[in-house]
Amino acid sequence: MADSKSEHSRQTEDAVKESSSRKAPSDVLVRCPWARTPLNIPYHDQEWGVPVHDDDQWFEFILLEGAQAGLSWDTILQKRARYREAFDGFDARKIARYGARRVRQLLADPGIVRNRLKIQAAIGNAQAFLKVQEEFESFDRYVWRFVGGRPKQNRWKDPAKVPVRTPESDALSRDLMARQFRFVGSTTCYALMQATGLVNDHITTCFRYAALCADRRESRLR
């Protein structure tokens, strides 16, 4: 698993370097307008919209997107490293076994969002996640069905037109809720879909858009 992640990281870095060599006339890369800070620029360039096929990564994004509800994504990026430490490297099997004592410890941890409902949801979602893995062999196999097994390539020119929810995110949200997941409303699910490459919502002028379109054939359901 670690080797596949390392290979994925190398491929992503190579793609970013290759795209970076094709500078805009102003000698500045054109990015999606929301990518403006030292935290979210590398996240945008290296992760956002890159198809995920690793269950550990899937649970990381589910936990972080749930923690983000009502907050800015930059807030979560600032806390991401501590989340990884506090939640056992996003290991769903370990998190599913957390009890009241562990919840109290997490509520006292200033490095994460200290919200009891979100912490309890992370534990419940880990338990639900394991059930999905058992039913479908992997969460990855389950979730990619909602876009037909390969990334949906959108063609947004105006960032204001990018939706916050779609029929696909509505369907995913309903199904996750039926499986006892929490903090998985349609808007949260669409943010999850964008982050994990189920959809390519980079605007067409963004330097990452074409690269992810080209990678589409490599990102079909396994």
C-alpha atoms as a PDB file:
ATOM      1  CA  MET A   1       0.000   0.000   0.000  1.00  0.00           C
ATOM      2  CA  ALA A   2       2.785   2.428   0.936  1.00  0.00           C
ATOM      3  CA  ASP A   3       4.613   1.667  -2.331  1.00  0.00           C
ATOM      4  CA  SER A   4       1.520   2.485  -4.402  1.00  0.00           C
ATOM      5  CA  LYS A   5       1.081   5.735  -2.518  1.00  0.00           C
ATOM      6  CA  SER A   6       4.719   6.668  -3.143  1.00  0.00           C
ATOM      7  CA  GLU A   7       4.338   5.914  -6.830  1.00  0.00           C
ATOM      8  CA  HIS A   8       1.161   7.988  -6.949  1.00  0.00           C
ATOM      9  CA  SER A   9       2.988  10.890  -5.276  1.00  0.00           C
ATOM     10  CA  ARG A  10       5.870  10.663  -7.778  1.00  0.00           C
ATOM     11  CA  GLN A  11       3.468  10.623 -10.712  1.00  0.00           C
ATOM     12  CA  THR A  12       1.611  13.625  -9.315  1.00  0.00           C
ATOM     13  CA  GLU A  13       4.836  15.562  -8.759  1.00  0.00           C
ATOM     14  CA  ASP A  14       6.013  14.758 -12.294  1.00  0.00           C
ATOM     15  CA  ALA A  15       2.689  15.945 -13.712  1.00  0.00           C
ATOM     16  CA  VAL A  16       2.904  19.194 -11.753  1.00  0.00           C
ATOM     17  CA  LYS A  17       6.495  19.774 -12.909  1.00  0.00           C
ATOM     18  CA  GLU A  18       5.543  19.085 -16.517  1.00  0.00           C
ATOM     19  CA  SER A  19       2.571  21.436 -16.325  1.00  0.00           C
ATOM     20  CA  SER A  20       4.664  24.051 -14.531  1.00  0.00           C
ATOM     21  CA  SER A  21       7.066  24.148 -17.471  1.00  0.00           C
ATOM     22  CA  ARG A  22       4.234  25.423 -19.696  1.00  0.00           C
ATOM     23  CA  LYS A  23       3.835  28.865 -18.160  1.00  0.00           C
ATOM     24  CA  ALA A  24       1.122  31.317 -19.134  1.00  0.00           C
ATOM     25  CA  PRO A  25       2.224  34.383 -21.110  1.00  0.00           C
ATOM     26  CA  SER A  26       2.431  36.307 -17.847  1.00  0.00           C
ATOM     27  CA  ASP A  27       4.882  33.631 -16.622  1.00  0.00           C
ATOM     28  CA  VAL A  28       2.408  32.780 -13.865  1.00  0.00           C
ATOM     29  CA  LEU A  29       0.436  29.537 -13.748  1.00  0.00           C
ATOM     30  CA  VAL A  30      -3.290  29.969 -14.147  1.00  0.00           C
ATOM     31  CA  ARG A  31      -5.106  28.275 -11.303  1.00  0.00           C
ATOM     32  CA  CYS A  32      -8.655  27.963 -10.047  1.00  0.00           C
ATOM     33  CA  PRO A  33      -9.447  31.269  -8.278  1.00  0.00           C
ATOM     34  CA  TRP A  34      -9.782  29.678  -4.842  1.00  0.00           C
ATOM     35  CA  ALA A  35      -6.139  28.553  -4.821  1.00  0.00           C
ATOM     36  CA  ARG A  36      -4.472  31.620  -3.328  1.00  0.00           C
ATOM     37  CA  THR A  37      -2.757  30.748  -0.051  1.00  0.00           C
ATOM     38  CA  PRO A  38       0.473  28.944   0.852  1.00  0.00           C
ATOM     39  CA  LEU A  39      -1.698  26.090   2.140  1.00  0.00           C
ATOM     40  CA  ASN A  40      -4.237  25.646  -0.618  1.00  0.00           C
ATOM     41  CA  ILE A  41      -1.984  26.291  -3.623  1.00  0.00           C
ATOM     42  CA  PRO A  42       0.032  23.066  -3.190  1.00  0.00           C
ATOM     43  CA  TYR A  43      -3.168  21.219  -2.272  1.00  0.00           C
ATOM     44  CA  HIS A  44      -4.768  22.481  -5.493  1.00  0.00           C
ATOM     45  CA  ASP A  45      -1.708  21.689  -7.609  1.00  0.00           C
ATOM     46  CA  GLN A  46      -0.960  18.227  -6.237  1.00  0.00           C
ATOM     47  CA  GLU A  47      -4.144  16.706  -4.799  1.00  0.00           C
ATOM     48  CA  TRP A  48      -7.454  18.358  -5.641  1.00  0.00           C
ATOM     49  CA  GLY A  49      -9.183  16.445  -8.408  1.00  0.00           C
ATOM     50  CA  VAL A  50      -6.591  13.653  -8.602  1.00  0.00           C
ATOM     51  CA  PRO A  51      -8.520  10.340  -8.680  1.00  0.00           C
ATOM     52  CA  VAL A  52      -8.258   8.403  -5.437  1.00  0.00           C
ATOM     53  CA  HIS A  53      -8.211   4.603  -5.489  1.00  0.00           C
ATOM     54  CA  ASP A  54      -6.788   3.871  -2.053  1.00  0.00           C
ATOM     55  CA  ASP A  55      -9.189   3.103   0.805  1.00  0.00           C
ATOM     56  CA  ASP A  56      -6.974   4.722   3.446  1.00  0.00           C
ATOM     57  CA  GLN A  57      -7.042   7.958   1.448  1.00  0.00           C
ATOM     58  CA  TRP A  58     -10.786   7.646   1.022  1.00  0.00           C
ATOM     59  CA  PHE A  59     -11.331   7.493   4.745  1.00  0.00           C
ATOM     60  CA  GLU A  60      -8.974  10.411   5.322  1.00  0.00           C
ATOM     61  CA  PHE A  61     -11.031  12.584   3.000  1.00  0.00           C
ATOM     62  CA  ILE A  62     -14.323  11.436   4.522  1.00  0.00           C
ATOM     63  CA  LEU A  63     -13.087  12.300   8.003  1.00  0.00           C
ATOM     64  CA  LEU A  64     -11.622  15.655   6.974  1.00  0.00           C
ATOM     65  CA  GLU A  65     -14.619  16.709   4.885  1.00  0.00           C
ATOM     66  CA  GLY A  66     -16.867  15.928   7.844  1.00  0.00           C
ATOM     67  CA  ALA A  67     -14.642  17.971  10.141  1.00  0.00           C
ATOM     68  CA  GLN A  68     -14.738  20.854   7.658  1.00  0.00           C
ATOM     69  CA  ALA A  69     -18.534  21.285   7.776  1.00  0.00           C
ATOM     70  CA  GLY A  70     -19.212  24.926   8.646  1.00  0.00           C
ATOM     71  CA  LEU A  71     -15.526  25.860   8.496  1.00  0.00           C
ATOM     72  CA  SER A  72     -13.059  26.851   5.784  1.00  0.00           C
ATOM     73  CA  TRP A  73     -10.985  24.181   4.060  1.00  0.00           C
ATOM     74  CA  ASP A  74      -7.845  26.148   4.941  1.00  0.00           C
ATOM     75  CA  THR A  75      -8.695  25.583   8.609  1.00  0.00           C
ATOM     76  CA  ILE A  76      -8.685  21.834   8.012  1.00  0.00           C
ATOM     77  CA  LEU A  77      -5.479  21.958   5.954  1.00  0.00           C
ATOM     78  CA  GLN A  78      -3.794  23.743   8.873  1.00  0.00           C
ATOM     79  CA  LYS A  79      -4.882  20.931  11.181  1.00  0.00           C
ATOM     80  CA  ARG A  80      -4.405  18.036   8.777  1.00  0.00           C
ATOM     81  CA  ALA A  81      -1.058  16.852  10.134  1.00  0.00           C
ATOM     82  CA  ARG A  82      -2.385  16.821  13.676  1.00  0.00           C
ATOM     83  CA  TYR A  83      -5.513  14.982  12.537  1.00  0.00           C
ATOM     84  CA  ARG A  84      -3.278  12.289  11.078  1.00  0.00           C
ATOM     85  CA  GLU A  85      -1.502  11.887  14.410  1.00  0.00           C
ATOM     86  CA  ALA A  86      -4.603  12.138  16.592  1.00  0.00           C
ATOM     87  CA  PHE A  87      -6.635   9.703  14.490  1.00  0.00           C
ATOM     88  CA  ASP A  88      -4.034   6.956  14.101  1.00  0.00           C
ATOM     89  CA  GLY A  89      -3.081   7.767  10.520  1.00  0.00           C
ATOM     90  CA  PHE A  90      -6.776   7.669   9.502  1.00  0.00           C
ATOM     91  CA  ASP A  91      -6.858   3.921  10.142  1.00  0.00           C
ATOM     92  CA  ALA A  92     -10.596   3.154  10.059  1.00  0.00           C
ATOM     93  CA  ARG A  93     -10.163  -0.131  11.945  1.00  0.00           C
ATOM     94  CA  LYS A  94      -8.499   1.590  14.879  1.00  0.00           C
ATOM     95  CA  ILE A  95     -10.871   4.564  14.874  1.00  0.00           C
ATOM     96  CA  ALA A  96     -13.912   2.267  14.820  1.00  0.00           C
ATOM     97  CA  ARG A  97     -12.811   0.955  18.238  1.00  0.00           C
ATOM     98  CA  TYR A  98     -12.483   4.356  19.947  1.00  0.00           C
ATOM     99  CA  GLY A  99     -14.387   4.577  23.224  1.00  0.00           C
ATOM    100  CA  ALA A 100     -15.431   7.302  25.639  1.00  0.00           C
ATOM    101  CA  ARG A 101     -11.910   7.789  27.001  1.00  0.00           C
ATOM    102  CA  ARG A 102     -10.488   8.394  23.529  1.00  0.00           C
ATOM    103  CA  VAL A 103     -13.302  10.840  22.765  1.00  0.00           C
ATOM    104  CA  ARG A 104     -12.395  12.818  25.889  1.00  0.00           C
ATOM    105  CA  GLN A 105      -8.758  12.915  24.802  1.00  0.00           C
ATOM    106  CA  LEU A 106      -9.701  14.189  21.360  1.00  0.00           C
ATOM    107  CA  LEU A 107     -11.971  16.852  22.826  1.00  0.00           C
ATOM    108  CA  ALA A 108      -8.958  18.132  24.767  1.00  0.00           C
ATOM    109  CA  ASP A 109      -6.705  18.246  21.688  1.00  0.00           C
ATOM    110  CA  PRO A 110      -6.297  21.861  20.444  1.00  0.00           C
ATOM    111  CA  GLY A 111      -4.802  20.634  17.171  1.00  0.00           C
ATOM    112  CA  ILE A 112      -8.138  19.374  15.818  1.00  0.00           C
ATOM    113  CA  VAL A 113     -11.694  20.682  15.616  1.00  0.00           C
ATOM    114  CA  ARG A 114     -12.964  19.981  19.127  1.00  0.00           C
ATOM    115  CA  ASN A 115     -16.567  19.282  18.277  1.00  0.00           C
ATOM    116  CA  ARG A 116     -18.100  16.287  20.045  1.00  0.00           C
ATOM    117  CA  LEU A 117     -20.589  15.543  17.271  1.00  0.00           C
ATOM    118  CA  LYS A 118     -17.867  15.562  14.609  1.00  0.00           C
ATOM    119  CA  ILE A 119     -15.570  13.351  16.671  1.00  0.00           C
ATOM    120  CA  GLN A 120     -18.360  10.887  17.359  1.00  0.00           C
ATOM    121  CA  ALA A 121     -19.293  10.987  13.670  1.00  0.00           C
ATOM    122  CA  ALA A 122     -15.708  10.110  12.728  1.00  0.00           C
ATOM    123  CA  ILE A 123     -15.945   7.002  14.891  1.00  0.00           C
ATOM    124  CA  GLY A 124     -19.372   6.028  13.578  1.00  0.00           C
ATOM    125  CA  ASN A 125     -18.245   6.672  10.012  1.00  0.00           C
ATOM    126  CA  ALA A 126     -15.246   4.394  10.540  1.00  0.00           C
ATOM    127  CA  GLN A 127     -17.603   1.627  11.608  1.00  0.00           C
ATOM    128  CA  ALA A 128     -19.863   2.240   8.600  1.00  0.00           C
ATOM    129  CA  PHE A 129     -16.813   2.413   6.319  1.00  0.00           C
ATOM    130  CA  LEU A 130     -15.700  -1.055   7.404  1.00  0.00           C
ATOM    131  CA  LYS A 131     -19.152  -2.442   6.612  1.00  0.00           C
ATOM    132  CA  VAL A 132     -18.974  -0.962   3.098  1.00  0.00           C
ATOM    133  CA  GLN A 133     -15.550  -2.541   2.618  1.00  0.00           C
ATOM    134  CA  GLU A 134     -16.933  -5.887   3.699  1.00  0.00           C
ATOM    135  CA  GLU A 135     -19.894  -5.647   1.321  1.00  0.00           C
ATOM    136  CA  PHE A 136     -18.072  -4.316  -1.750  1.00  0.00           C
ATOM    137  CA  GLU A 137     -14.514  -5.596  -1.099  1.00  0.00           C
ATOM    138  CA  SER A 138     -13.318  -1.985  -0.975  1.00  0.00           C
ATOM    139  CA  PHE A 139     -14.788   1.456  -0.403  1.00  0.00           C
ATOM    140  CA  ASP A 140     -13.178   2.475  -3.674  1.00  0.00           C
ATOM    141  CA  ARG A 141     -15.228  -0.053  -5.620  1.00  0.00           C
ATOM    142  CA  TYR A 142     -18.374   1.166  -3.885  1.00  0.00           C
ATOM    143  CA  VAL A 143     -17.932   4.905  -4.375  1.00  0.00           C
ATOM    144  CA  TRP A 144     -16.786   4.992  -8.004  1.00  0.00           C
ATOM    145  CA  ARG A 145     -20.109   3.455  -9.045  1.00  0.00           C
ATOM    146  CA  PHE A 146     -21.732   6.858  -8.509  1.00  0.00           C
ATOM    147  CA  VAL A 147     -19.928   8.273 -11.562  1.00  0.00           C
ATOM    148  CA  GLY A 148     -19.980   5.138 -13.682  1.00  0.00           C
ATOM    149  CA  GLY A 149     -16.490   4.030 -12.743  1.00  0.00           C
ATOM    150  CA  ARG A 150     -14.449   6.876 -14.223  1.00  0.00           C
ATOM    151  CA  PRO A 151     -13.955  10.607 -13.554  1.00  0.00           C
ATOM    152  CA  LYS A 152     -16.645  12.952 -14.805  1.00  0.00           C
ATOM    153  CA  GLN A 153     -14.963  15.665 -16.868  1.00  0.00           C
ATOM    154  CA  ASN A 154     -16.734  18.993 -16.502  1.00  0.00           C
ATOM    155  CA  ARG A 155     -15.933  22.048 -18.599  1.00  0.00           C
ATOM    156  CA  TRP A 156     -16.438  25.061 -16.395  1.00  0.00           C
ATOM    157  CA  LYS A 157     -15.156  28.347 -17.787  1.00  0.00           C
ATOM    158  CA  ASP A 158     -16.796  30.556 -15.166  1.00  0.00           C
ATOM    159  CA  PRO A 159     -15.910  29.494 -11.594  1.00  0.00           C
ATOM    160  CA  ALA A 160     -19.200  30.978 -10.435  1.00  0.00           C
ATOM    161  CA  LYS A 161     -21.003  28.267 -12.409  1.00  0.00           C
ATOM    162  CA  VAL A 162     -19.347  25.361 -10.562  1.00  0.00           C
ATOM    163  CA  PRO A 163     -22.155  23.717  -8.552  1.00  0.00           C
ATOM    164  CA  VAL A 164     -22.095  22.903  -4.858  1.00  0.00           C
ATOM    165  CA  ARG A 165     -24.213  19.773  -5.329  1.00  0.00           C
ATOM    166  CA  THR A 166     -25.349  17.575  -8.210  1.00  0.00           C
ATOM    167  CA  PRO A 167     -27.702  14.618  -8.748  1.00  0.00           C
ATOM    168  CA  GLU A 168     -24.671  12.347  -8.258  1.00  0.00           C
ATOM    169  CA  SER A 169     -23.782  13.925  -4.924  1.00  0.00           C
ATOM    170  CA  ASP A 170     -27.437  13.734  -3.883  1.00  0.00           C
ATOM    171  CA  ALA A 171     -27.420  10.002  -4.640  1.00  0.00           C
ATOM    172  CA  LEU A 172     -24.140   9.429  -2.818  1.00  0.00           C
ATOM    173  CA  SER A 173     -25.359  11.398   0.194  1.00  0.00           C
ATOM    174  CA  ARG A 174     -28.610   9.444   0.406  1.00  0.00           C
ATOM    175  CA  ASP A 175     -26.813   6.130   0.173  1.00  0.00           C
ATOM    176  CA  LEU A 176     -24.168   7.029   2.750  1.00  0.00           C
ATOM    177  CA  MET A 177     -26.834   8.246   5.162  1.00  0.00           C
ATOM    178  CA  ALA A 178     -28.747   5.001   4.683  1.00  0.00           C
ATOM    179  CA  ARG A 179     -25.537   3.232   5.690  1.00  0.00           C
ATOM    180  CA  GLN A 180     -25.356   5.287   8.909  1.00  0.00           C
ATOM    181  CA  PHE A 181     -22.659   7.767   7.835  1.00  0.00           C
ATOM    182  CA  ARG A 182     -22.967  11.233   9.335  1.00  0.00           C
ATOM    183  CA  PHE A 183     -21.882  14.702   8.150  1.00  0.00           C
ATOM    184  CA  VAL A 184     -22.406  13.522   4.586  1.00  0.00           C
ATOM    185  CA  GLY A 185     -24.929  15.991   3.211  1.00  0.00           C
ATOM    186  CA  SER A 186     -25.000  16.504  -0.548  1.00  0.00           C
ATOM    187  CA  THR A 187     -22.793  19.617  -0.411  1.00  0.00           C
ATOM    188  CA  THR A 188     -20.185  17.775   1.665  1.00  0.00           C
ATOM    189  CA  CYS A 189     -20.394  14.813  -0.696  1.00  0.00           C
ATOM    190  CA  TYR A 190     -19.834  17.018  -3.727  1.00  0.00           C
ATOM    191  CA  ALA A 191     -16.776  18.577  -2.089  1.00  0.00           C
ATOM    192  CA  LEU A 192     -15.580  15.021  -1.479  1.00  0.00           C
ATOM    193  CA  MET A 193     -16.183  14.117  -5.128  1.00  0.00           C
ATOM    194  CA  GLN A 194     -14.238  17.167  -6.306  1.00  0.00           C
ATOM    195  CA  ALA A 195     -11.331  16.514  -3.955  1.00  0.00           C
ATOM    196  CA  THR A 196     -10.969  12.846  -4.839  1.00  0.00           C
ATOM    197  CA  GLY A 197     -11.288  13.126  -8.600  1.00  0.00           C
ATOM    198  CA  LEU A 198     -14.728  11.609  -9.084  1.00  0.00           C
ATOM    199  CA  VAL A 199     -15.297  14.850 -10.971  1.00  0.00           C
ATOM    200  CA  ASN A 200     -12.807  17.219 -12.579  1.00  0.00           C
ATOM    201  CA  ASP A 201     -14.008  20.663 -11.542  1.00  0.00           C
ATOM    202  CA  HIS A 202     -10.873  22.622 -12.315  1.00  0.00           C
ATOM    203  CA  ILE A 203     -11.891  25.472 -14.604  1.00  0.00           C
ATOM    204  CA  THR A 204     -10.810  24.954 -18.199  1.00  0.00           C
ATOM    205  CA  THR A 205      -8.141  27.673 -18.045  1.00  0.00           C
ATOM    206  CA  CYS A 206      -6.509  26.138 -14.962  1.00  0.00           C
ATOM    207  CA  PHE A 207      -3.207  24.417 -15.724  1.00  0.00           C
ATOM    208  CA  ARG A 208      -4.398  21.260 -13.925  1.00  0.00           C
ATOM    209  CA  TYR A 209      -7.544  20.819 -16.015  1.00  0.00           C
ATOM    210  CA  ALA A 210      -5.894  19.436 -19.157  1.00  0.00           C
ATOM    211  CA  ALA A 211      -3.560  17.186 -17.176  1.00  0.00           C
ATOM    212  CA  LEU A 212      -6.466  15.546 -15.366  1.00  0.00           C
ATOM    213  CA  CYS A 213      -8.410  15.157 -18.597  1.00  0.00           C
ATOM    214  CA  ALA A 214      -5.410  13.370 -20.086  1.00  0.00           C
ATOM    215  CA  ASP A 215      -5.221  11.100 -17.051  1.00  0.00           C
ATOM    216  CA  ARG A 216      -8.871  10.060 -17.403  1.00  0.00           C
ATOM    217  CA  ARG A 217      -8.059   6.801 -19.172  1.00  0.00           C
ATOM    218  CA  GLU A 218      -5.774   5.816 -16.275  1.00  0.00           C
ATOM    219  CA  SER A 219      -8.413   6.495 -13.641  1.00  0.00           C
ATOM    220  CA  ARG A 220     -11.242   4.131 -14.477  1.00  0.00           C
ATOM    221  CA  LEU A 221     -12.676   1.848 -11.836  1.00  0.00           C
ATOM    222  CA  ARG A 222     -10.409  -1.093 -11.029  1.00  0.00           C
END
